[in-house]
PDB file of N, CA and C in Angstrom:
ATOM      1  N   MET A   1     -41.037  16.778 -45.290  1.00  0.00           N
ATOM      2  CA  MET A   1     -39.975  17.209 -44.008  1.00  0.00           C
ATOM      3  C   MET A   1     -40.597  18.228 -43.060  1.00  0.00           C
ATOM      4  N   GLU A   2     -40.119  18.098 -41.820  1.00  0.00           N
ATOM      5  CA  GLU A   2     -40.460  18.913 -40.838  1.00  0.00           C
ATOM      6  C   GLU A   2     -39.647  20.400 -41.205  1.00  0.00           C
ATOM      7  N   ARG A   3     -40.613  21.512 -40.366  1.00  0.00           N
ATOM      8  CA  ARG A   3     -39.554  22.853 -40.741  1.00  0.00           C
ATOM      9  C   ARG A   3     -40.018  23.605 -39.580  1.00  0.00           C
ATOM     10  N   VAL A   4     -38.711  23.962 -38.973  1.00  0.00           N
ATOM     11  CA  VAL A   4     -39.131  25.239 -38.306  1.00  0.00           C
ATOM     12  C   VAL A   4     -39.441  26.671 -39.186  1.00  0.00           C
ATOM     13  N   VAL A   5     -40.549  27.011 -38.993  1.00  0.00           N
ATOM     14  CA  VAL A   5     -40.806  28.731 -39.410  1.00  0.00           C
ATOM     15  C   VAL A   5     -40.210  29.875 -38.871  1.00  0.00           C
ATOM     16  N   THR A   6     -39.063  30.420 -39.567  1.00  0.00           N
ATOM     17  CA  THR A   6     -38.580  31.864 -38.588  1.00  0.00           C
ATOM     18  C   THR A   6     -39.525  32.970 -38.298  1.00  0.00           C
ATOM     19  N   GLY A   7     -40.658  32.984 -39.214  1.00  0.00           N
ATOM     20  CA  GLY A   7     -41.589  34.204 -39.408  1.00  0.00           C
ATOM     21  C   GLY A   7     -40.730  35.601 -39.657  1.00  0.00           C
ATOM     22  N   ILE A   8     -39.731  34.951 -40.609  1.00  0.00           N
ATOM     23  CA  ILE A   8     -39.290  36.482 -41.113  1.00  0.00           C
ATOM     24  C   ILE A   8     -39.448  36.448 -42.750  1.00  0.00           C
ATOM     25  N   PRO A   9     -40.278  37.101 -43.069  1.00  0.00           N
ATOM     26  CA  PRO A   9     -40.898  37.434 -44.471  1.00  0.00           C
ATOM     27  C   PRO A   9     -40.244  37.167 -45.553  1.00  0.00           C
ATOM     28  N   GLY A  10     -40.344  36.472 -46.477  1.00  0.00           N
ATOM     29  CA  GLY A  10     -39.569  35.996 -47.661  1.00  0.00           C
ATOM     30  C   GLY A  10     -38.949  35.233 -47.265  1.00  0.00           C
ATOM     31  N   PHE A  11     -38.179  34.881 -46.161  1.00  0.00           N
ATOM     32  CA  PHE A  11     -36.817  33.928 -45.544  1.00  0.00           C
ATOM     33  C   PHE A  11     -37.578  32.562 -45.582  1.00  0.00           C
ATOM     34  N   ASP A  12     -38.593  32.452 -45.073  1.00  0.00           N
ATOM     35  CA  ASP A  12     -39.664  31.035 -45.425  1.00  0.00           C
ATOM     36  C   ASP A  12     -39.684  30.518 -46.682  1.00  0.00           C
ATOM     37  N   GLU A  13     -40.086  31.542 -47.552  1.00  0.00           N
ATOM     38  CA  GLU A  13     -41.033  31.039 -48.870  1.00  0.00           C
ATOM     39  C   GLU A  13     -39.912  31.188 -49.446  1.00  0.00           C
ATOM     40  N   ILE A  14     -38.141  31.246 -49.523  1.00  0.00           N
ATOM     41  CA  ILE A  14     -37.265  31.250 -50.194  1.00  0.00           C
ATOM     42  C   ILE A  14     -36.452  29.475 -49.785  1.00  0.00           C
ATOM     43  N   LEU A  15     -36.629  28.827 -48.530  1.00  0.00           N
ATOM     44  CA  LEU A  15     -36.815  27.480 -48.202  1.00  0.00           C
ATOM     45  C   LEU A  15     -37.829  26.844 -47.940  1.00  0.00           C
ATOM     46  N   HIS A  16     -38.625  27.287 -48.548  1.00  0.00           N
ATOM     47  CA  HIS A  16     -39.807  26.093 -48.723  1.00  0.00           C
ATOM     48  C   HIS A  16     -40.818  25.915 -47.673  1.00  0.00           C
ATOM     49  N   GLY A  17     -40.902  27.091 -46.535  1.00  0.00           N
ATOM     50  CA  GLY A  17     -41.387  26.567 -45.514  1.00  0.00           C
ATOM     51  C   GLY A  17     -41.020  26.963 -44.313  1.00  0.00           C
ATOM     52  N   GLY A  18     -39.177  27.136 -44.136  1.00  0.00           N
ATOM     53  CA  GLY A  18     -38.623  27.329 -43.085  1.00  0.00           C
ATOM     54  C   GLY A  18     -37.450  26.505 -43.055  1.00  0.00           C
ATOM     55  N   ILE A  19     -36.908  26.408 -42.085  1.00  0.00           N
ATOM     56  CA  ILE A  19     -35.194  25.768 -41.697  1.00  0.00           C
ATOM     57  C   ILE A  19     -35.982  24.043 -41.523  1.00  0.00           C
ATOM     58  N   PRO A  20     -34.999  23.289 -41.978  1.00  0.00           N
ATOM     59  CA  PRO A  20     -35.639  21.921 -42.123  1.00  0.00           C
ATOM     60  C   PRO A  20     -35.170  21.861 -40.515  1.00  0.00           C
ATOM     61  N   ARG A  21     -36.075  20.995 -39.524  1.00  0.00           N
ATOM     62  CA  ARG A  21     -35.587  20.649 -38.393  1.00  0.00           C
ATOM     63  C   ARG A  21     -34.706  20.119 -38.157  1.00  0.00           C
ATOM     64  N   ARG A  22     -33.957  19.828 -37.034  1.00  0.00           N
ATOM     65  CA  ARG A  22     -33.040  19.118 -36.779  1.00  0.00           C
ATOM     66  C   ARG A  22     -31.496  19.383 -37.543  1.00  0.00           C
ATOM     67  N   ASN A  23     -31.706  20.488 -38.038  1.00  0.00           N
ATOM     68  CA  ASN A  23     -30.172  21.216 -38.726  1.00  0.00           C
ATOM     69  C   ASN A  23     -29.682  22.266 -38.489  1.00  0.00           C
ATOM     70  N   VAL A  24     -28.604  22.394 -38.706  1.00  0.00           N
ATOM     71  CA  VAL A  24     -27.723  23.374 -38.235  1.00  0.00           C
ATOM     72  C   VAL A  24     -27.696  24.580 -38.677  1.00  0.00           C
ATOM     73  N   VAL A  25     -27.807  25.834 -38.511  1.00  0.00           N
ATOM     74  CA  VAL A  25     -27.400  26.599 -39.588  1.00  0.00           C
ATOM     75  C   VAL A  25     -26.546  27.990 -39.399  1.00  0.00           C
ATOM     76  N   LEU A  26     -25.492  27.814 -40.053  1.00  0.00           N
ATOM     77  CA  LEU A  26     -24.535  29.288 -39.945  1.00  0.00           C
ATOM     78  C   LEU A  26     -25.037  30.201 -40.858  1.00  0.00           C
ATOM     79  N   LEU A  27     -25.175  31.248 -39.863  1.00  0.00           N
ATOM     80  CA  LEU A  27     -25.244  32.285 -40.570  1.00  0.00           C
ATOM     81  C   LEU A  27     -24.156  33.370 -40.454  1.00  0.00           C
ATOM     82  N   ALA A  28     -23.564  33.695 -41.694  1.00  0.00           N
ATOM     83  CA  ALA A  28     -22.517  34.486 -41.840  1.00  0.00           C
ATOM     84  C   ALA A  28     -22.474  35.244 -43.106  1.00  0.00           C
ATOM     85  N   GLY A  29     -21.782  36.324 -42.814  1.00  0.00           N
ATOM     86  CA  GLY A  29     -21.354  37.612 -43.947  1.00  0.00           C
ATOM     87  C   GLY A  29     -20.578  38.844 -43.305  1.00  0.00           C
ATOM     88  N   GLY A  30     -20.221  39.675 -43.807  1.00  0.00           N
ATOM     89  CA  GLY A  30     -19.614  41.185 -43.674  1.00  0.00           C
ATOM     90  C   GLY A  30     -20.306  41.486 -42.615  1.00  0.00           C
ATOM     91  N   PRO A  31     -19.269  42.608 -42.182  1.00  0.00           N
ATOM     92  CA  PRO A  31     -20.207  44.050 -41.136  1.00  0.00           C
ATOM     93  C   PRO A  31     -21.148  44.597 -41.510  1.00  0.00           C
ATOM     94  N   GLY A  32     -22.078  44.748 -41.047  1.00  0.00           N
ATOM     95  CA  GLY A  32     -23.432  45.562 -41.386  1.00  0.00           C
ATOM     96  C   GLY A  32     -24.394  45.124 -42.337  1.00  0.00           C
ATOM     97  N   THR A  33     -24.189  43.416 -42.428  1.00  0.00           N
ATOM     98  CA  THR A  33     -25.121  42.559 -43.722  1.00  0.00           C
ATOM     99  C   THR A  33     -26.704  42.171 -43.081  1.00  0.00           C
ATOM    100  N   GLY A  34     -26.545  42.549 -41.421  1.00  0.00           N
ATOM    101  CA  GLY A  34     -27.765  42.354 -40.930  1.00  0.00           C
ATOM    102  C   GLY A  34     -27.745  40.737 -39.981  1.00  0.00           C
ATOM    103  N   LYS A  35     -26.510  40.158 -39.954  1.00  0.00           N
ATOM    104  CA  LYS A  35     -27.104  39.007 -39.053  1.00  0.00           C
ATOM    105  C   LYS A  35     -27.592  38.996 -37.662  1.00  0.00           C
ATOM    106  N   SER A  36     -26.821  40.136 -37.163  1.00  0.00           N
ATOM    107  CA  SER A  36     -27.392  40.248 -35.665  1.00  0.00           C
ATOM    108  C   SER A  36     -29.053  40.380 -35.767  1.00  0.00           C
ATOM    109  N   ILE A  37     -29.475  41.211 -36.938  1.00  0.00           N
ATOM    110  CA  ILE A  37     -30.988  41.468 -36.957  1.00  0.00           C
ATOM    111  C   ILE A  37     -31.741  40.277 -37.218  1.00  0.00           C
ATOM    112  N   PHE A  38     -31.354  39.604 -38.329  1.00  0.00           N
ATOM    113  CA  PHE A  38     -31.804  38.072 -38.517  1.00  0.00           C
ATOM    114  C   PHE A  38     -32.109  37.251 -37.062  1.00  0.00           C
ATOM    115  N   GLY A  39     -30.939  37.456 -36.391  1.00  0.00           N
ATOM    116  CA  GLY A  39     -31.387  36.649 -34.919  1.00  0.00           C
ATOM    117  C   GLY A  39     -31.973  37.314 -34.247  1.00  0.00           C
ATOM    118  N   TYR A  40     -31.999  38.424 -34.021  1.00  0.00           N
ATOM    119  CA  TYR A  40     -33.332  38.833 -32.826  1.00  0.00           C
ATOM    120  C   TYR A  40     -34.488  38.770 -33.516  1.00  0.00           C
ATOM    121  N   GLN A  41     -35.029  39.139 -35.002  1.00  0.00           N
ATOM    122  CA  GLN A  41     -36.292  38.848 -35.072  1.00  0.00           C
ATOM    123  C   GLN A  41     -36.433  37.629 -35.165  1.00  0.00           C
ATOM    124  N   TYR A  42     -35.392  36.239 -35.361  1.00  0.00           N
ATOM    125  CA  TYR A  42     -35.991  35.299 -35.302  1.00  0.00           C
ATOM    126  C   TYR A  42     -36.712  34.799 -33.815  1.00  0.00           C
ATOM    127  N   LEU A  43     -35.466  35.168 -32.845  1.00  0.00           N
ATOM    128  CA  LEU A  43     -35.979  35.099 -31.585  1.00  0.00           C
ATOM    129  C   LEU A  43     -36.959  35.829 -31.016  1.00  0.00           C
ATOM    130  N   TYR A  44     -37.525  36.766 -31.628  1.00  0.00           N
ATOM    131  CA  TYR A  44     -38.324  37.852 -31.202  1.00  0.00           C
ATOM    132  C   TYR A  44     -39.969  36.833 -31.830  1.00  0.00           C
ATOM    133  N   ASN A  45     -39.513  36.382 -33.079  1.00  0.00           N
ATOM    134  CA  ASN A  45     -40.715  35.947 -33.706  1.00  0.00           C
ATOM    135  C   ASN A  45     -41.335  34.632 -32.896  1.00  0.00           C
ATOM    136  N   GLY A  46     -40.275  33.721 -32.280  1.00  0.00           N
ATOM    137  CA  GLY A  46     -40.468  32.851 -31.423  1.00  0.00           C
ATOM    138  C   GLY A  46     -41.109  32.849 -29.882  1.00  0.00           C
ATOM    139  N   LEU A  47     -41.047  34.154 -29.657  1.00  0.00           N
ATOM    140  CA  LEU A  47     -41.375  34.669 -28.635  1.00  0.00           C
ATOM    141  C   LEU A  47     -42.772  35.099 -28.685  1.00  0.00           C
ATOM    142  N   LYS A  48     -42.906  35.536 -29.662  1.00  0.00           N
ATOM    143  CA  LYS A  48     -44.078  35.762 -29.846  1.00  0.00           C
ATOM    144  C   LYS A  48     -45.627  34.636 -29.926  1.00  0.00           C
ATOM    145  N   LYS A  49     -45.008  33.621 -30.497  1.00  0.00           N
ATOM    146  CA  LYS A  49     -45.475  32.395 -30.510  1.00  0.00           C
ATOM    147  C   LYS A  49     -45.223  31.749 -29.042  1.00  0.00           C
ATOM    148  N   GLY A  50     -44.764  32.288 -28.236  1.00  0.00           N
ATOM    149  CA  GLY A  50     -44.496  31.548 -26.865  1.00  0.00           C
ATOM    150  C   GLY A  50     -43.649  30.055 -27.249  1.00  0.00           C
ATOM    151  N   GLU A  51     -43.461  30.239 -27.854  1.00  0.00           N
ATOM    152  CA  GLU A  51     -42.057  28.774 -28.013  1.00  0.00           C
ATOM    153  C   GLU A  51     -40.941  29.047 -26.842  1.00  0.00           C
ATOM    154  N   HIS A  52     -40.441  27.977 -26.188  1.00  0.00           N
ATOM    155  CA  HIS A  52     -40.074  27.804 -24.974  1.00  0.00           C
ATOM    156  C   HIS A  52     -38.078  27.642 -25.605  1.00  0.00           C
ATOM    157  N   GLY A  53     -38.045  27.866 -26.423  1.00  0.00           N
ATOM    158  CA  GLY A  53     -36.420  27.795 -27.098  1.00  0.00           C
ATOM    159  C   GLY A  53     -35.333  26.427 -26.717  1.00  0.00           C
TER     160      GLY A  53
END
């Protein structure tokens, strides 16, 4: 199965190499649990790799 690497330490290992390609991911949690930071980190890692989005 093809996967999208998030570049977030530990997270890709939990998902056995990243998020499965062509899947929708819902990131949910209470206030202050790091949802925005997770999203920013994912976007930042994509920019560093030169991905177009």
